[in-house]
């Protein structure tokens, strides 16, 4: 995991989070990923990815709370 790009969105206001995450996703090449760090389960984000990027992404939890969540988000 040391070569993974990490996006810790905890310091950002909620209104900025999803646009920032999708911006990072857009910058990925096929087969690349980043690790999202959040202070709660980003399940609503997963549903947004499903709605807007069906078949284009991978989603793998690395850590599931209680204080920190880590999700590896990749581009197909």
N, C-alpha and C. Protein backbone atom coordinates (compact mmCIF):
# COMPACT_ATOMS: atom_id res chain seq x y z
N UNK A 1 0.81 -1.19 0.00
CA UNK A 1 0.00 0.00 0.00
C UNK A 1 0.85 1.26 0.00
N UNK A 2 2.14 1.14 0.20
CA UNK A 2 2.99 2.31 0.29
C UNK A 2 3.04 3.11 -1.01
N UNK A 3 2.76 2.48 -2.15
CA UNK A 3 2.78 3.20 -3.42
C UNK A 3 1.40 3.76 -3.78
N UNK A 4 0.42 3.58 -2.91
CA UNK A 4 -0.93 4.08 -3.17
C UNK A 4 -1.03 5.57 -2.95
N UNK A 5 -1.77 6.23 -3.82
CA UNK A 5 -2.13 7.63 -3.59
C UNK A 5 -3.22 7.62 -2.53
N UNK A 6 -3.14 8.55 -1.59
CA UNK A 6 -4.11 8.60 -0.50
C UNK A 6 -4.79 9.96 -0.50
N UNK A 7 -6.11 9.94 -0.49
CA UNK A 7 -6.92 11.16 -0.39
C UNK A 7 -7.64 11.12 0.95
N UNK A 8 -7.17 11.92 1.89
CA UNK A 8 -7.81 12.03 3.20
C UNK A 8 -8.77 13.21 3.12
N UNK A 9 -10.06 12.93 3.07
CA UNK A 9 -11.03 14.01 2.89
C UNK A 9 -11.58 14.56 4.21
N UNK A 10 -11.12 14.03 5.32
CA UNK A 10 -11.64 14.48 6.61
C UNK A 10 -11.51 15.98 6.85
N UNK A 11 -10.43 16.62 6.42
CA UNK A 11 -10.33 18.07 6.68
C UNK A 11 -11.23 18.94 5.80
N UNK A 12 -11.80 18.38 4.74
CA UNK A 12 -12.57 19.18 3.79
C UNK A 12 -14.03 19.30 4.22
N UNK A 13 -14.65 20.45 3.94
CA UNK A 13 -16.08 20.60 4.21
C UNK A 13 -16.88 19.59 3.38
N UNK A 14 -17.97 19.07 3.93
CA UNK A 14 -18.75 18.06 3.20
C UNK A 14 -19.14 18.45 1.78
N UNK A 15 -19.43 19.69 1.55
CA UNK A 15 -19.86 20.12 0.21
C UNK A 15 -18.76 19.96 -0.84
N UNK A 16 -17.51 19.92 -0.41
CA UNK A 16 -16.37 19.80 -1.33
C UNK A 16 -15.94 18.36 -1.56
N UNK A 17 -16.41 17.45 -0.76
CA UNK A 17 -15.86 16.09 -0.75
C UNK A 17 -16.13 15.30 -2.03
N UNK A 18 -17.38 15.16 -2.42
CA UNK A 18 -17.68 14.33 -3.60
C UNK A 18 -17.06 14.90 -4.87
N UNK A 19 -17.13 16.22 -5.11
CA UNK A 19 -16.45 16.75 -6.30
C UNK A 19 -14.94 16.48 -6.29
N UNK A 20 -14.32 16.58 -5.12
CA UNK A 20 -12.89 16.31 -5.01
C UNK A 20 -12.58 14.84 -5.31
N UNK A 21 -13.37 13.95 -4.77
CA UNK A 21 -13.16 12.52 -4.99
C UNK A 21 -13.34 12.17 -6.46
N UNK A 22 -14.39 12.68 -7.09
CA UNK A 22 -14.60 12.40 -8.51
C UNK A 22 -13.50 13.03 -9.37
N UNK A 23 -12.96 14.16 -8.94
CA UNK A 23 -11.82 14.75 -9.63
C UNK A 23 -10.61 13.84 -9.60
N UNK A 24 -10.34 13.26 -8.43
CA UNK A 24 -9.24 12.31 -8.31
C UNK A 24 -9.50 11.09 -9.20
N UNK A 25 -10.73 10.61 -9.19
CA UNK A 25 -11.07 9.45 -10.01
C UNK A 25 -10.83 9.73 -11.49
N UNK A 26 -11.21 10.91 -11.94
CA UNK A 26 -11.04 11.27 -13.35
C UNK A 26 -9.57 11.27 -13.76
N UNK A 27 -8.69 11.57 -12.83
CA UNK A 27 -7.25 11.63 -13.12
C UNK A 27 -6.60 10.25 -13.20
N UNK A 28 -7.28 9.22 -12.74
CA UNK A 28 -6.71 7.88 -12.77
C UNK A 28 -6.67 7.34 -14.19
N UNK A 29 -5.63 6.56 -14.46
CA UNK A 29 -5.59 5.79 -15.68
C UNK A 29 -6.22 4.43 -15.43
N UNK A 30 -6.51 3.70 -16.49
CA UNK A 30 -7.08 2.36 -16.34
C UNK A 30 -6.14 1.50 -15.51
N UNK A 31 -6.69 0.81 -14.52
CA UNK A 31 -5.89 -0.05 -13.65
C UNK A 31 -5.28 0.66 -12.46
N UNK A 32 -5.41 1.97 -12.37
CA UNK A 32 -4.88 2.72 -11.23
C UNK A 32 -5.95 2.87 -10.16
N UNK A 33 -5.49 3.23 -8.96
CA UNK A 33 -6.41 3.40 -7.84
C UNK A 33 -5.88 4.45 -6.88
N UNK A 34 -6.72 4.87 -5.96
CA UNK A 34 -6.30 5.66 -4.81
C UNK A 34 -7.05 5.16 -3.60
N UNK A 35 -6.55 5.52 -2.42
CA UNK A 35 -7.20 5.12 -1.18
C UNK A 35 -7.88 6.34 -0.59
N UNK A 36 -9.16 6.23 -0.37
CA UNK A 36 -9.96 7.28 0.24
C UNK A 36 -10.00 7.06 1.74
N UNK A 37 -9.72 8.11 2.51
CA UNK A 37 -9.79 8.04 3.97
C UNK A 37 -10.90 8.97 4.42
N UNK A 38 -11.80 8.46 5.26
CA UNK A 38 -12.95 9.23 5.70
C UNK A 38 -13.25 8.91 7.16
N UNK A 39 -14.07 9.76 7.79
CA UNK A 39 -14.43 9.56 9.20
C UNK A 39 -15.76 8.85 9.36
N UNK A 40 -16.37 8.43 8.26
CA UNK A 40 -17.61 7.65 8.30
C UNK A 40 -17.67 6.77 7.05
N UNK A 41 -18.56 5.81 7.07
CA UNK A 41 -18.71 4.91 5.94
C UNK A 41 -19.17 5.70 4.72
N UNK A 42 -18.39 5.69 3.63
CA UNK A 42 -18.76 6.46 2.44
C UNK A 42 -19.74 5.72 1.52
N UNK A 43 -20.65 4.95 2.08
CA UNK A 43 -21.62 4.18 1.29
C UNK A 43 -22.43 5.05 0.32
N UNK A 44 -22.87 6.27 0.71
CA UNK A 44 -23.57 7.11 -0.27
C UNK A 44 -22.71 7.43 -1.50
N UNK A 45 -21.42 7.57 -1.29
CA UNK A 45 -20.50 7.80 -2.41
C UNK A 45 -20.48 6.58 -3.33
N UNK A 46 -20.48 5.39 -2.75
CA UNK A 46 -20.53 4.16 -3.53
C UNK A 46 -21.76 4.16 -4.44
N UNK A 47 -22.91 4.53 -3.87
CA UNK A 47 -24.14 4.57 -4.66
C UNK A 47 -24.05 5.61 -5.77
N UNK A 48 -23.38 6.72 -5.51
CA UNK A 48 -23.20 7.74 -6.55
C UNK A 48 -22.31 7.20 -7.66
N UNK A 49 -21.23 6.50 -7.29
CA UNK A 49 -20.38 5.87 -8.30
C UNK A 49 -21.19 4.86 -9.13
N UNK A 50 -22.02 4.06 -8.46
CA UNK A 50 -22.84 3.09 -9.19
C UNK A 50 -23.76 3.78 -10.20
N UNK A 51 -24.34 4.89 -9.80
CA UNK A 51 -25.27 5.61 -10.67
C UNK A 51 -24.57 6.31 -11.83
N UNK A 52 -23.40 6.88 -11.56
CA UNK A 52 -22.73 7.72 -12.56
C UNK A 52 -21.60 7.03 -13.31
N UNK A 53 -21.04 5.97 -12.76
CA UNK A 53 -19.86 5.33 -13.35
C UNK A 53 -19.99 3.81 -13.38
N UNK A 54 -21.17 3.32 -13.66
CA UNK A 54 -21.41 1.88 -13.68
C UNK A 54 -20.38 1.15 -14.54
N UNK A 55 -19.73 0.15 -13.95
CA UNK A 55 -18.75 -0.66 -14.68
C UNK A 55 -17.40 -0.01 -14.86
N UNK A 56 -17.21 1.22 -14.40
CA UNK A 56 -15.96 1.94 -14.61
C UNK A 56 -15.05 1.94 -13.38
N UNK A 57 -15.55 1.45 -12.24
CA UNK A 57 -14.78 1.59 -11.00
C UNK A 57 -14.75 0.28 -10.21
N UNK A 58 -13.77 0.20 -9.31
CA UNK A 58 -13.72 -0.86 -8.31
C UNK A 58 -13.78 -0.20 -6.95
N UNK A 59 -14.25 -0.95 -5.96
CA UNK A 59 -14.47 -0.41 -4.61
C UNK A 59 -14.13 -1.51 -3.63
N UNK A 60 -13.10 -1.31 -2.82
CA UNK A 60 -12.68 -2.33 -1.86
C UNK A 60 -12.39 -1.67 -0.52
N UNK A 61 -13.13 -2.06 0.50
CA UNK A 61 -12.86 -1.55 1.84
C UNK A 61 -11.55 -2.14 2.34
N UNK A 62 -10.69 -1.28 2.88
CA UNK A 62 -9.47 -1.72 3.55
C UNK A 62 -9.61 -1.63 5.06
N UNK A 63 -10.43 -0.70 5.52
CA UNK A 63 -10.67 -0.50 6.95
C UNK A 63 -12.09 0.03 7.10
N UNK A 64 -12.85 -0.55 8.04
CA UNK A 64 -14.25 -0.15 8.22
C UNK A 64 -14.51 0.26 9.66
N UNK A 65 -14.10 1.48 10.00
CA UNK A 65 -14.42 2.11 11.26
C UNK A 65 -13.77 1.48 12.47
N UNK A 66 -14.15 1.94 13.64
CA UNK A 66 -15.25 2.86 13.86
C UNK A 66 -14.89 4.34 13.68
N UNK A 67 -13.60 4.68 13.76
CA UNK A 67 -13.22 6.10 13.64
C UNK A 67 -12.72 6.47 12.25
N UNK A 68 -12.29 5.49 11.51
CA UNK A 68 -11.70 5.76 10.19
C UNK A 68 -12.10 4.67 9.22
N UNK A 69 -12.43 5.09 8.02
CA UNK A 69 -12.73 4.17 6.93
C UNK A 69 -11.72 4.42 5.82
N UNK A 70 -11.27 3.33 5.21
CA UNK A 70 -10.36 3.40 4.07
C UNK A 70 -10.94 2.54 2.95
N UNK A 71 -11.07 3.16 1.78
CA UNK A 71 -11.62 2.46 0.62
C UNK A 71 -10.66 2.64 -0.55
N UNK A 72 -10.31 1.53 -1.17
CA UNK A 72 -9.49 1.57 -2.39
C UNK A 72 -10.44 1.71 -3.57
N UNK A 73 -10.34 2.83 -4.26
CA UNK A 73 -11.19 3.11 -5.42
C UNK A 73 -10.31 3.04 -6.66
N UNK A 74 -10.68 2.19 -7.58
CA UNK A 74 -9.90 2.01 -8.79
C UNK A 74 -10.71 2.28 -10.04
N UNK A 75 -9.98 2.47 -11.13
CA UNK A 75 -10.62 2.70 -12.44
C UNK A 75 -10.36 1.49 -13.32
N UNK A 76 -11.41 0.98 -13.93
CA UNK A 76 -11.30 -0.16 -14.85
C UNK A 76 -10.81 0.29 -16.21
